[in-house]
Protein backbone atom coordinates (compact mmCIF):
# COMPACT_ATOMS: atom_id res chain seq x y z
CA MET A 1 140.72 -175.46 -38.73
CA PRO A 2 140.08 -173.87 -35.29
CA LYS A 3 138.29 -175.78 -32.58
CA PRO A 4 134.72 -174.67 -31.94
CA ALA A 5 134.33 -172.85 -28.63
CA LYS A 6 132.68 -174.82 -25.87
CA ARG A 7 129.30 -173.62 -24.78
CA PRO A 8 128.81 -173.07 -21.09
CA LYS A 9 126.34 -175.47 -19.56
CA PRO A 10 123.03 -173.81 -18.72
CA THR A 11 122.27 -173.54 -15.05
CA PRO A 12 118.75 -174.43 -14.00
CA THR A 13 117.72 -171.14 -12.42
CA TYR A 14 113.97 -171.35 -12.83
CA GLN A 15 111.78 -174.43 -13.06
CA PRO A 16 108.16 -173.61 -13.91
CA SER A 17 105.53 -175.42 -11.93
CA MET A 18 103.27 -177.99 -13.55
CA ARG A 19 100.44 -175.46 -13.50
CA ASP A 20 102.59 -172.91 -15.36
CA ARG A 21 103.57 -175.51 -17.96
CA LEU A 22 99.99 -176.67 -18.57
CA ARG A 23 98.44 -173.20 -18.80
CA PRO A 24 98.80 -172.93 -22.62
CA VAL A 25 97.28 -176.40 -23.00
CA GLU A 26 94.27 -175.28 -20.94
CA LEU A 27 93.76 -172.27 -23.19
CA LEU A 28 94.06 -174.38 -26.36
CA GLY A 29 91.66 -176.95 -24.91
CA PHE A 30 89.11 -174.29 -24.01
CA SER A 31 89.29 -172.84 -27.52
CA GLY A 32 89.02 -176.33 -28.99
CA VAL A 33 85.89 -177.11 -26.99
CA LEU A 34 84.25 -173.85 -28.09
CA ALA A 35 85.18 -174.54 -31.71
CA LEU A 36 83.92 -178.12 -31.49
CA PHE A 37 80.60 -176.91 -30.11
CA THR A 38 80.28 -174.39 -32.94
CA GLY A 39 81.23 -176.97 -35.56
CA LEU A 40 78.70 -179.48 -34.22
CA VAL A 41 75.91 -176.90 -34.14
CA ILE A 42 76.61 -175.98 -37.76
CA LEU A 43 76.83 -179.65 -38.75
CA MET A 44 73.52 -180.52 -37.10
CA SER A 45 71.70 -177.52 -38.54
CA THR A 46 73.00 -177.59 -42.13
CA ARG A 47 74.29 -181.18 -42.53
CA GLN A 48 77.16 -179.88 -44.64
CA LEU A 49 80.52 -181.21 -43.50
CA ALA A 50 82.57 -178.58 -45.38
CA LEU A 51 80.63 -175.70 -43.87
CA SER A 52 80.96 -177.28 -40.44
CA GLY A 53 84.74 -177.56 -40.85
CA ILE A 54 85.01 -173.94 -41.91
CA GLY A 55 82.93 -172.89 -38.92
CA PHE A 56 85.11 -175.01 -36.64
CA GLY A 57 88.30 -173.39 -37.95
CA ILE A 58 86.96 -169.86 -37.72
CA ALA A 59 85.56 -170.43 -34.23
CA PHE A 60 88.86 -171.96 -33.05
CA ILE A 61 90.96 -169.06 -34.29
CA VAL A 62 88.57 -166.39 -33.00
CA SER A 63 88.20 -168.01 -29.58
CA LEU A 64 91.98 -168.51 -29.31
CA VAL A 65 92.63 -164.83 -30.07
CA VAL A 66 89.92 -163.67 -27.64
CA VAL A 67 91.19 -165.93 -24.84
CA ALA A 68 94.77 -164.76 -25.44
CA LEU A 69 93.73 -161.10 -25.33
CA LEU A 70 91.72 -161.65 -22.15
CA THR A 71 94.68 -163.41 -20.57
CA LEU A 72 96.96 -160.50 -21.42
CA GLY A 73 94.48 -158.10 -19.86
CA PHE A 74 94.70 -159.52 -16.34
CA LYS A 75 96.77 -157.70 -13.75
CA PRO A 76 99.29 -159.92 -12.00
CA ASP A 77 98.82 -160.34 -8.24
CA SER A 78 101.60 -159.95 -5.67
CA ALA A 79 102.72 -163.59 -5.95
CA GLU A 80 103.08 -163.29 -9.74
CA LEU A 81 104.92 -159.97 -9.40
CA SER A 82 107.42 -161.46 -6.96
CA ASP A 83 107.87 -164.43 -9.31
CA LEU A 84 108.54 -162.08 -12.24
CA ASP A 85 111.04 -160.10 -10.15
CA GLU A 86 112.78 -163.34 -9.20
CA GLN A 87 113.06 -164.39 -12.84
CA ASN A 88 114.47 -161.00 -13.88
CA ARG A 89 117.25 -160.99 -11.28
CA ALA A 90 120.63 -162.41 -12.15
CA PRO A 91 121.55 -165.70 -10.47
CA GLY A 92 123.15 -165.21 -7.08
CA GLU A 93 121.46 -161.91 -6.33
CA GLY A 94 119.42 -161.73 -3.16
CA ARG A 95 115.99 -160.26 -2.76
CA PRO A 96 115.93 -156.50 -3.30
CA GLY A 97 114.29 -155.77 0.06
CA GLY A 98 116.20 -158.25 2.20
CA ASP A 99 116.02 -161.95 2.90
CA ARG A 100 112.36 -162.18 3.84
CA PRO A 101 109.63 -162.54 1.18
CA ASP A 102 107.65 -159.64 2.67
CA GLY A 103 110.42 -157.20 1.73
CA GLY A 104 111.78 -156.63 5.23
CA SER A 105 115.35 -157.31 6.14
CA SER A 106 116.43 -159.84 8.70
CA GLY A 107 118.95 -157.45 10.28
CA SER A 108 118.36 -154.66 12.77
CA LYS A 109 118.24 -151.90 10.15
CA PRO A 110 114.63 -151.23 9.11
CA SER A 111 113.97 -151.05 5.39
CA SER A 112 112.66 -147.85 3.86
CA ASP A 113 109.46 -149.47 2.64
CA SER A 114 108.54 -151.30 5.82
CA ARG A 115 105.06 -150.78 7.18
CA PRO A 116 104.18 -150.42 10.83
CA SER A 117 103.03 -153.67 12.35
CA THR A 118 99.44 -153.95 13.51
C-alpha cells in the first residue's frame, strides 16, 4: 500500500482584520433585528404565535436577501481595491507599480502612471 503524499503546510498570506471577520455577523444581526421587530408587531396585533413565527421567518429571509444584494451593489473604494489586488497576487510578488502604496516606484525611473505633484 503506497504512502499518502504529504500535504504542504499552508502559508498565512492574508489575515483578515476583526472588522472583516465580523461583517457577516453584523449583516445577520441587522436582519435578525428587523425580523424580530416584524414578528413582535404581528404577535401584538394578532396574538397568534404561529402567524408571528411565520412572519418572523419571512421577514428574516427577505431582509437577509435585500441586505446581501445592497452589499453587493456597493463600489469598492481605493483601499478595498488595493486589498483585493494584494490578495490576488501570488506570495512573494511585489506591488505592481513599485514599492510605495501610491503606485510610484522608489527608484529614479518614473512610473508610467505617475501624476504630477501639486
